[in-house]
N, C-alpha and C. Protein backbone atom coordinates (compact mmCIF):
# COMPACT_ATOMS: atom_id res chain seq x y z
N MET A 1 -14.56 23.56 23.51
CA MET A 1 -15.22 23.41 24.82
C MET A 1 -15.28 24.76 25.51
N ASN A 2 -16.39 25.03 26.14
CA ASN A 2 -16.46 26.26 26.91
C ASN A 2 -15.84 26.04 28.29
N ALA A 3 -15.70 27.11 29.05
CA ALA A 3 -14.98 27.05 30.32
C ALA A 3 -15.56 26.04 31.30
N PRO A 4 -16.88 25.99 31.53
CA PRO A 4 -17.40 25.02 32.50
C PRO A 4 -17.14 23.57 32.09
N LYS A 5 -17.33 23.25 30.81
CA LYS A 5 -17.10 21.88 30.37
C LYS A 5 -15.62 21.52 30.45
N THR A 6 -14.76 22.48 30.18
CA THR A 6 -13.32 22.24 30.30
C THR A 6 -12.94 21.95 31.74
N ARG A 7 -13.50 22.71 32.66
CA ARG A 7 -13.22 22.48 34.08
C ARG A 7 -13.71 21.11 34.52
N ILE A 8 -14.87 20.71 34.06
CA ILE A 8 -15.42 19.40 34.41
C ILE A 8 -14.53 18.30 33.83
N PHE A 9 -14.14 18.45 32.57
CA PHE A 9 -13.27 17.47 31.93
C PHE A 9 -11.95 17.33 32.71
N PHE A 10 -11.31 18.45 33.03
CA PHE A 10 -10.05 18.39 33.76
C PHE A 10 -10.26 17.89 35.19
N GLY A 11 -11.43 18.17 35.76
CA GLY A 11 -11.72 17.61 37.08
C GLY A 11 -11.74 16.09 37.07
N PHE A 12 -12.41 15.53 36.07
CA PHE A 12 -12.45 14.07 35.96
C PHE A 12 -11.11 13.50 35.51
N LEU A 13 -10.32 14.28 34.81
CA LEU A 13 -9.01 13.82 34.36
C LEU A 13 -7.98 13.83 35.50
N ILE A 14 -8.00 14.85 36.32
CA ILE A 14 -6.98 15.04 37.35
C ILE A 14 -7.33 14.33 38.66
N SER A 15 -8.57 14.42 39.10
CA SER A 15 -8.91 13.96 40.45
C SER A 15 -8.62 12.49 40.74
N PRO A 16 -8.84 11.54 39.82
CA PRO A 16 -8.49 10.15 40.16
C PRO A 16 -6.98 9.91 40.26
N ALA A 17 -6.19 10.77 39.63
CA ALA A 17 -4.74 10.59 39.65
C ALA A 17 -4.12 11.05 40.96
N ILE A 18 -4.72 11.98 41.65
CA ILE A 18 -4.11 12.54 42.86
C ILE A 18 -3.93 11.49 43.96
N PRO A 19 -4.94 10.67 44.31
CA PRO A 19 -4.70 9.64 45.32
C PRO A 19 -3.61 8.65 44.90
N ALA A 20 -3.54 8.33 43.61
CA ALA A 20 -2.50 7.42 43.13
C ALA A 20 -1.11 8.04 43.30
N ILE A 21 -0.99 9.32 43.01
CA ILE A 21 0.29 10.01 43.18
C ILE A 21 0.68 10.08 44.65
N VAL A 22 -0.28 10.38 45.51
CA VAL A 22 -0.01 10.43 46.96
C VAL A 22 0.42 9.06 47.47
N LEU A 23 -0.29 8.01 47.05
CA LEU A 23 0.09 6.65 47.46
C LEU A 23 1.48 6.29 46.96
N TYR A 24 1.77 6.62 45.72
CA TYR A 24 3.09 6.35 45.16
C TYR A 24 4.18 7.06 45.96
N ALA A 25 3.99 8.34 46.24
CA ALA A 25 4.99 9.10 46.99
C ALA A 25 5.18 8.54 48.40
N TRP A 26 4.08 8.17 49.05
CA TRP A 26 4.18 7.60 50.40
C TRP A 26 4.91 6.26 50.37
N GLN A 27 4.58 5.42 49.39
CA GLN A 27 5.21 4.11 49.30
C GLN A 27 6.68 4.19 48.96
N LEU A 28 7.13 5.24 48.30
CA LEU A 28 8.55 5.39 48.03
C LEU A 28 9.35 5.48 49.32
N PHE A 29 8.73 6.02 50.37
CA PHE A 29 9.42 6.15 51.65
C PHE A 29 9.37 4.88 52.48
N VAL A 30 8.36 4.07 52.32
CA VAL A 30 8.17 2.91 53.21
C VAL A 30 8.36 1.56 52.55
N SER A 31 8.56 1.51 51.24
CA SER A 31 8.72 0.23 50.57
C SER A 31 9.66 0.37 49.38
N LYS A 32 9.77 -0.68 48.63
CA LYS A 32 10.64 -0.68 47.45
C LYS A 32 9.98 0.08 46.30
N LYS A 33 10.82 0.51 45.36
CA LYS A 33 10.31 1.30 44.24
C LYS A 33 9.29 0.54 43.41
N TRP A 34 9.53 -0.74 43.14
CA TRP A 34 8.60 -1.51 42.31
C TRP A 34 7.24 -1.66 43.00
N GLU A 35 7.25 -1.75 44.35
CA GLU A 35 5.98 -1.83 45.08
C GLU A 35 5.23 -0.50 44.99
N ALA A 36 5.98 0.60 45.05
CA ALA A 36 5.35 1.91 44.93
C ALA A 36 4.74 2.09 43.54
N GLU A 37 5.48 1.66 42.52
CA GLU A 37 4.96 1.78 41.16
C GLU A 37 3.73 0.91 40.96
N TRP A 38 3.77 -0.30 41.48
CA TRP A 38 2.64 -1.21 41.35
C TRP A 38 1.41 -0.65 42.07
N GLY A 39 1.60 -0.22 43.31
CA GLY A 39 0.48 0.31 44.09
C GLY A 39 -0.11 1.56 43.46
N GLY A 40 0.74 2.46 42.97
CA GLY A 40 0.26 3.66 42.32
C GLY A 40 -0.51 3.36 41.04
N ALA A 41 0.00 2.39 40.26
CA ALA A 41 -0.67 2.02 39.01
C ALA A 41 -2.04 1.40 39.29
N VAL A 42 -2.11 0.54 40.31
CA VAL A 42 -3.39 -0.08 40.66
C VAL A 42 -4.39 0.98 41.12
N PHE A 43 -3.93 1.89 41.98
CA PHE A 43 -4.82 2.96 42.44
C PHE A 43 -5.27 3.83 41.28
N LEU A 44 -4.40 4.08 40.33
CA LEU A 44 -4.75 4.90 39.18
C LEU A 44 -5.83 4.23 38.34
N ILE A 45 -5.66 2.97 38.04
CA ILE A 45 -6.64 2.23 37.23
C ILE A 45 -7.99 2.18 37.95
N ILE A 46 -7.96 1.81 39.23
CA ILE A 46 -9.21 1.73 40.00
C ILE A 46 -9.86 3.10 40.10
N GLY A 47 -9.05 4.14 40.30
CA GLY A 47 -9.59 5.49 40.40
C GLY A 47 -10.35 5.94 39.17
N TYR A 48 -9.79 5.66 38.00
CA TYR A 48 -10.48 6.05 36.77
C TYR A 48 -11.73 5.21 36.53
N ILE A 49 -11.67 3.94 36.88
CA ILE A 49 -12.87 3.10 36.73
C ILE A 49 -13.99 3.61 37.64
N VAL A 50 -13.66 3.89 38.89
CA VAL A 50 -14.66 4.39 39.84
C VAL A 50 -15.19 5.75 39.39
N ALA A 51 -14.31 6.60 38.86
CA ALA A 51 -14.76 7.91 38.38
C ALA A 51 -15.75 7.77 37.23
N LEU A 52 -15.51 6.83 36.33
CA LEU A 52 -16.43 6.64 35.21
C LEU A 52 -17.73 5.98 35.63
N VAL A 53 -17.62 4.92 36.44
CA VAL A 53 -18.80 4.13 36.78
C VAL A 53 -19.68 4.83 37.82
N PHE A 54 -19.06 5.39 38.85
CA PHE A 54 -19.82 6.01 39.93
C PHE A 54 -19.75 7.53 39.93
N GLY A 55 -18.60 8.09 39.55
CA GLY A 55 -18.39 9.53 39.66
C GLY A 55 -19.23 10.36 38.71
N VAL A 56 -19.27 9.96 37.47
CA VAL A 56 -20.04 10.73 36.48
C VAL A 56 -21.53 10.74 36.83
N PRO A 57 -22.15 9.57 37.11
CA PRO A 57 -23.57 9.62 37.50
C PRO A 57 -23.81 10.42 38.79
N THR A 58 -22.90 10.31 39.73
CA THR A 58 -23.06 11.06 40.98
C THR A 58 -22.96 12.55 40.71
N TYR A 59 -22.01 12.95 39.89
CA TYR A 59 -21.87 14.36 39.54
C TYR A 59 -23.14 14.88 38.86
N LEU A 60 -23.66 14.11 37.90
CA LEU A 60 -24.87 14.54 37.20
C LEU A 60 -26.06 14.64 38.16
N LEU A 61 -26.15 13.70 39.10
CA LEU A 61 -27.23 13.76 40.09
C LEU A 61 -27.09 14.99 40.98
N LEU A 62 -25.87 15.26 41.45
CA LEU A 62 -25.66 16.44 42.29
C LEU A 62 -25.96 17.73 41.53
N CYS A 63 -25.58 17.78 40.25
CA CYS A 63 -25.90 18.96 39.44
C CYS A 63 -27.41 19.09 39.24
N TYR A 64 -28.06 17.97 38.97
CA TYR A 64 -29.51 17.99 38.77
C TYR A 64 -30.22 18.51 40.01
N ARG A 65 -29.72 18.11 41.18
CA ARG A 65 -30.30 18.56 42.45
C ARG A 65 -29.78 19.92 42.87
N ARG A 66 -28.86 20.48 42.08
CA ARG A 66 -28.25 21.78 42.37
C ARG A 66 -27.50 21.78 43.71
N ILE A 67 -26.84 20.67 44.00
CA ILE A 67 -26.04 20.55 45.22
C ILE A 67 -24.60 20.82 44.83
N MET A 68 -24.02 21.88 45.37
CA MET A 68 -22.66 22.26 45.02
C MET A 68 -21.75 22.37 46.24
N SER A 69 -22.19 21.91 47.39
CA SER A 69 -21.39 22.08 48.60
C SER A 69 -20.22 21.10 48.63
N LEU A 70 -19.14 21.56 49.22
CA LEU A 70 -17.95 20.72 49.36
C LEU A 70 -18.25 19.48 50.17
N GLY A 71 -19.02 19.63 51.23
CA GLY A 71 -19.36 18.50 52.09
C GLY A 71 -20.08 17.38 51.35
N ALA A 72 -20.99 17.74 50.46
CA ALA A 72 -21.72 16.73 49.70
C ALA A 72 -20.78 15.96 48.78
N TYR A 73 -19.86 16.67 48.13
CA TYR A 73 -18.91 16.02 47.25
C TYR A 73 -17.93 15.15 48.04
N LEU A 74 -17.48 15.62 49.19
CA LEU A 74 -16.57 14.82 50.01
C LEU A 74 -17.26 13.56 50.52
N PHE A 75 -18.50 13.69 50.95
CA PHE A 75 -19.25 12.52 51.41
C PHE A 75 -19.43 11.51 50.28
N ALA A 76 -19.83 12.00 49.13
CA ALA A 76 -20.02 11.10 47.98
C ALA A 76 -18.71 10.43 47.59
N GLY A 77 -17.62 11.17 47.61
CA GLY A 77 -16.31 10.60 47.28
C GLY A 77 -15.89 9.53 48.27
N PHE A 78 -16.12 9.79 49.56
CA PHE A 78 -15.78 8.78 50.57
C PHE A 78 -16.61 7.52 50.38
N VAL A 79 -17.90 7.68 50.15
CA VAL A 79 -18.77 6.52 49.96
C VAL A 79 -18.37 5.73 48.72
N MET A 80 -18.09 6.43 47.61
CA MET A 80 -17.68 5.72 46.38
C MET A 80 -16.36 4.99 46.58
N GLY A 81 -15.41 5.61 47.26
CA GLY A 81 -14.12 4.97 47.51
C GLY A 81 -14.25 3.77 48.44
N ALA A 82 -15.05 3.92 49.50
CA ALA A 82 -15.25 2.80 50.43
C ALA A 82 -15.98 1.65 49.75
N LEU A 83 -16.94 1.98 48.90
CA LEU A 83 -17.65 0.95 48.16
C LEU A 83 -16.69 0.21 47.22
N ALA A 84 -15.83 0.95 46.54
CA ALA A 84 -14.85 0.32 45.65
C ALA A 84 -13.90 -0.57 46.44
N GLY A 85 -13.43 -0.09 47.59
CA GLY A 85 -12.55 -0.89 48.42
C GLY A 85 -13.21 -2.16 48.92
N THR A 86 -14.48 -2.08 49.24
CA THR A 86 -15.23 -3.25 49.68
C THR A 86 -15.42 -4.23 48.54
N LEU A 87 -15.82 -3.73 47.38
CA LEU A 87 -16.08 -4.60 46.24
C LEU A 87 -14.81 -5.31 45.76
N ILE A 88 -13.67 -4.65 45.87
CA ILE A 88 -12.41 -5.26 45.45
C ILE A 88 -12.02 -6.40 46.37
N PHE A 89 -12.24 -6.24 47.67
CA PHE A 89 -11.79 -7.25 48.63
C PHE A 89 -12.84 -8.31 48.92
N LEU A 90 -14.08 -8.04 48.62
CA LEU A 90 -15.17 -8.95 48.95
C LEU A 90 -15.02 -10.35 48.34
N PRO A 91 -14.66 -10.50 47.08
CA PRO A 91 -14.51 -11.87 46.54
C PRO A 91 -13.49 -12.71 47.31
N ASP A 92 -12.39 -12.10 47.72
CA ASP A 92 -11.39 -12.84 48.48
C ASP A 92 -11.93 -13.23 49.85
N ALA A 93 -12.67 -12.34 50.48
CA ALA A 93 -13.24 -12.67 51.78
C ALA A 93 -14.27 -13.79 51.68
N ILE A 94 -15.06 -13.79 50.63
CA ILE A 94 -16.05 -14.85 50.45
C ILE A 94 -15.37 -16.18 50.12
N LYS A 95 -14.36 -16.13 49.26
CA LYS A 95 -13.65 -17.34 48.86
C LYS A 95 -12.95 -18.00 50.06
N ASN A 96 -12.41 -17.20 50.94
CA ASN A 96 -11.66 -17.72 52.09
C ASN A 96 -12.49 -17.74 53.37
N TRP A 97 -13.79 -17.75 53.24
CA TRP A 97 -14.66 -17.70 54.41
C TRP A 97 -14.53 -18.98 55.23
N SER A 98 -14.18 -18.82 56.48
CA SER A 98 -14.18 -19.93 57.44
C SER A 98 -14.10 -19.33 58.83
N ALA A 99 -14.38 -20.15 59.81
CA ALA A 99 -14.37 -19.66 61.19
C ALA A 99 -12.97 -19.23 61.61
N SER A 100 -11.93 -19.86 61.03
CA SER A 100 -10.57 -19.53 61.43
C SER A 100 -9.95 -18.44 60.56
N HIS A 101 -10.69 -17.91 59.65
CA HIS A 101 -10.13 -16.92 58.73
C HIS A 101 -10.70 -15.53 59.04
N GLY A 102 -10.58 -15.12 60.29
CA GLY A 102 -11.10 -13.83 60.71
C GLY A 102 -10.32 -12.66 60.16
N GLN A 103 -9.09 -12.90 59.69
CA GLN A 103 -8.27 -11.81 59.17
C GLN A 103 -8.90 -11.19 57.93
N SER A 104 -9.48 -11.99 57.06
CA SER A 104 -10.12 -11.44 55.86
C SER A 104 -11.26 -10.50 56.23
N ILE A 105 -12.04 -10.92 57.20
CA ILE A 105 -13.17 -10.08 57.63
C ILE A 105 -12.66 -8.80 58.29
N LEU A 106 -11.59 -8.91 59.08
CA LEU A 106 -11.02 -7.73 59.71
C LEU A 106 -10.50 -6.75 58.66
N LEU A 107 -9.81 -7.27 57.63
CA LEU A 107 -9.33 -6.39 56.57
C LEU A 107 -10.49 -5.79 55.78
N LEU A 108 -11.53 -6.57 55.58
CA LEU A 108 -12.70 -6.06 54.87
C LEU A 108 -13.35 -4.92 55.65
N ILE A 109 -13.43 -5.11 56.96
CA ILE A 109 -14.08 -4.10 57.79
C ILE A 109 -13.19 -2.87 57.96
N ASN A 110 -11.89 -3.06 58.17
CA ASN A 110 -11.02 -1.95 58.54
C ASN A 110 -10.06 -1.47 57.46
N GLY A 111 -9.65 -2.34 56.55
CA GLY A 111 -8.55 -2.00 55.66
C GLY A 111 -8.94 -1.32 54.38
N PHE A 112 -9.31 -2.11 53.40
CA PHE A 112 -9.54 -1.57 52.07
C PHE A 112 -10.67 -0.55 51.99
N PRO A 113 -11.80 -0.74 52.65
CA PRO A 113 -12.83 0.30 52.56
C PRO A 113 -12.38 1.65 53.12
N ILE A 114 -11.61 1.63 54.20
CA ILE A 114 -11.14 2.90 54.76
C ILE A 114 -10.12 3.55 53.83
N MET A 115 -9.19 2.76 53.32
CA MET A 115 -8.20 3.31 52.39
C MET A 115 -8.88 3.82 51.12
N GLY A 116 -9.84 3.06 50.60
CA GLY A 116 -10.59 3.52 49.44
C GLY A 116 -11.40 4.77 49.73
N GLY A 117 -11.99 4.82 50.92
CA GLY A 117 -12.76 6.00 51.31
C GLY A 117 -11.91 7.25 51.40
N ILE A 118 -10.71 7.11 51.95
CA ILE A 118 -9.79 8.26 52.04
C ILE A 118 -9.35 8.70 50.65
N ALA A 119 -9.07 7.73 49.78
CA ALA A 119 -8.71 8.07 48.40
C ALA A 119 -9.87 8.77 47.69
N GLY A 120 -11.09 8.27 47.90
CA GLY A 120 -12.26 8.90 47.30
C GLY A 120 -12.50 10.30 47.84
N LEU A 121 -12.27 10.47 49.13
CA LEU A 121 -12.40 11.78 49.77
C LEU A 121 -11.42 12.78 49.14
N LEU A 122 -10.18 12.35 48.97
CA LEU A 122 -9.16 13.21 48.37
C LEU A 122 -9.51 13.53 46.91
N ALA A 123 -9.90 12.52 46.16
CA ALA A 123 -10.25 12.75 44.75
C ALA A 123 -11.46 13.67 44.62
N ALA A 124 -12.45 13.48 45.47
CA ALA A 124 -13.65 14.33 45.42
C ALA A 124 -13.31 15.77 45.77
N GLY A 125 -12.42 15.97 46.74
CA GLY A 125 -11.99 17.32 47.09
C GLY A 125 -11.29 18.01 45.94
N VAL A 126 -10.41 17.28 45.26
CA VAL A 126 -9.73 17.84 44.10
C VAL A 126 -10.73 18.14 42.99
N PHE A 127 -11.65 17.22 42.74
CA PHE A 127 -12.66 17.44 41.72
C PHE A 127 -13.49 18.69 42.04
N TRP A 128 -13.88 18.85 43.30
CA TRP A 128 -14.70 20.00 43.67
C TRP A 128 -13.94 21.30 43.43
N VAL A 129 -12.66 21.32 43.80
CA VAL A 129 -11.85 22.53 43.60
C VAL A 129 -11.72 22.85 42.11
N VAL A 130 -11.45 21.84 41.29
CA VAL A 130 -11.22 22.06 39.86
C VAL A 130 -12.53 22.35 39.12
N ALA A 131 -13.57 21.58 39.36
CA ALA A 131 -14.76 21.63 38.50
C ALA A 131 -15.95 22.37 39.09
N VAL A 132 -16.08 22.42 40.40
CA VAL A 132 -17.32 22.90 40.99
C VAL A 132 -17.16 24.22 41.73
N SER A 133 -16.05 24.44 42.38
CA SER A 133 -15.92 25.56 43.33
C SER A 133 -16.15 26.92 42.72
N GLY A 134 -15.85 27.10 41.44
CA GLY A 134 -16.05 28.40 40.82
C GLY A 134 -17.51 28.72 40.55
N GLY A 135 -18.40 27.75 40.69
CA GLY A 135 -19.82 27.98 40.45
C GLY A 135 -20.16 28.11 38.98
N TYR A 136 -19.25 27.67 38.12
CA TYR A 136 -19.47 27.79 36.68
C TYR A 136 -20.50 26.80 36.15
N ASN A 137 -20.78 25.78 36.89
CA ASN A 137 -21.66 24.73 36.36
C ASN A 137 -23.08 24.83 36.88
N LYS A 138 -23.53 26.01 37.21
CA LYS A 138 -24.90 26.16 37.72
C LYS A 138 -25.95 25.80 36.67
N HIS A 139 -25.57 25.90 35.42
CA HIS A 139 -26.51 25.56 34.34
C HIS A 139 -26.43 24.12 33.93
N MET A 140 -25.54 23.36 34.52
CA MET A 140 -25.35 21.95 34.13
C MET A 140 -26.48 21.13 34.74
N PRO A 141 -26.77 19.98 34.32
CA PRO A 141 -25.95 18.96 33.70
C PRO A 141 -25.86 19.21 32.28
């Protein structure tokens, strides 16, 4: 692999793991160890799925358009993370839909999408630093 492809590979390898590590470390302080391990593992699995399903096509689109700004990557990461957070919680909100079940809608609006968006923002920032910031991928996709 040449240097740009190696940076891109490591960007996709490392960036989904960073939000999971941050969540794990934070949960070690506020909850039990098994909860921290479970939450970190779930975030890790979801992060890699989102990176493959949404991240790779988004990266290729941004390269095709020659968009290399940090802001564009952060925005895309936040949107992908918020979308993932919404899609994960949406089936539960639909299943439990009733006039007295406003908590599901509140969590859908405020909880998981925001947490997913922040995780996506962090992962996109790490990806940009590792894979894009050096300007090595100007010839990509």
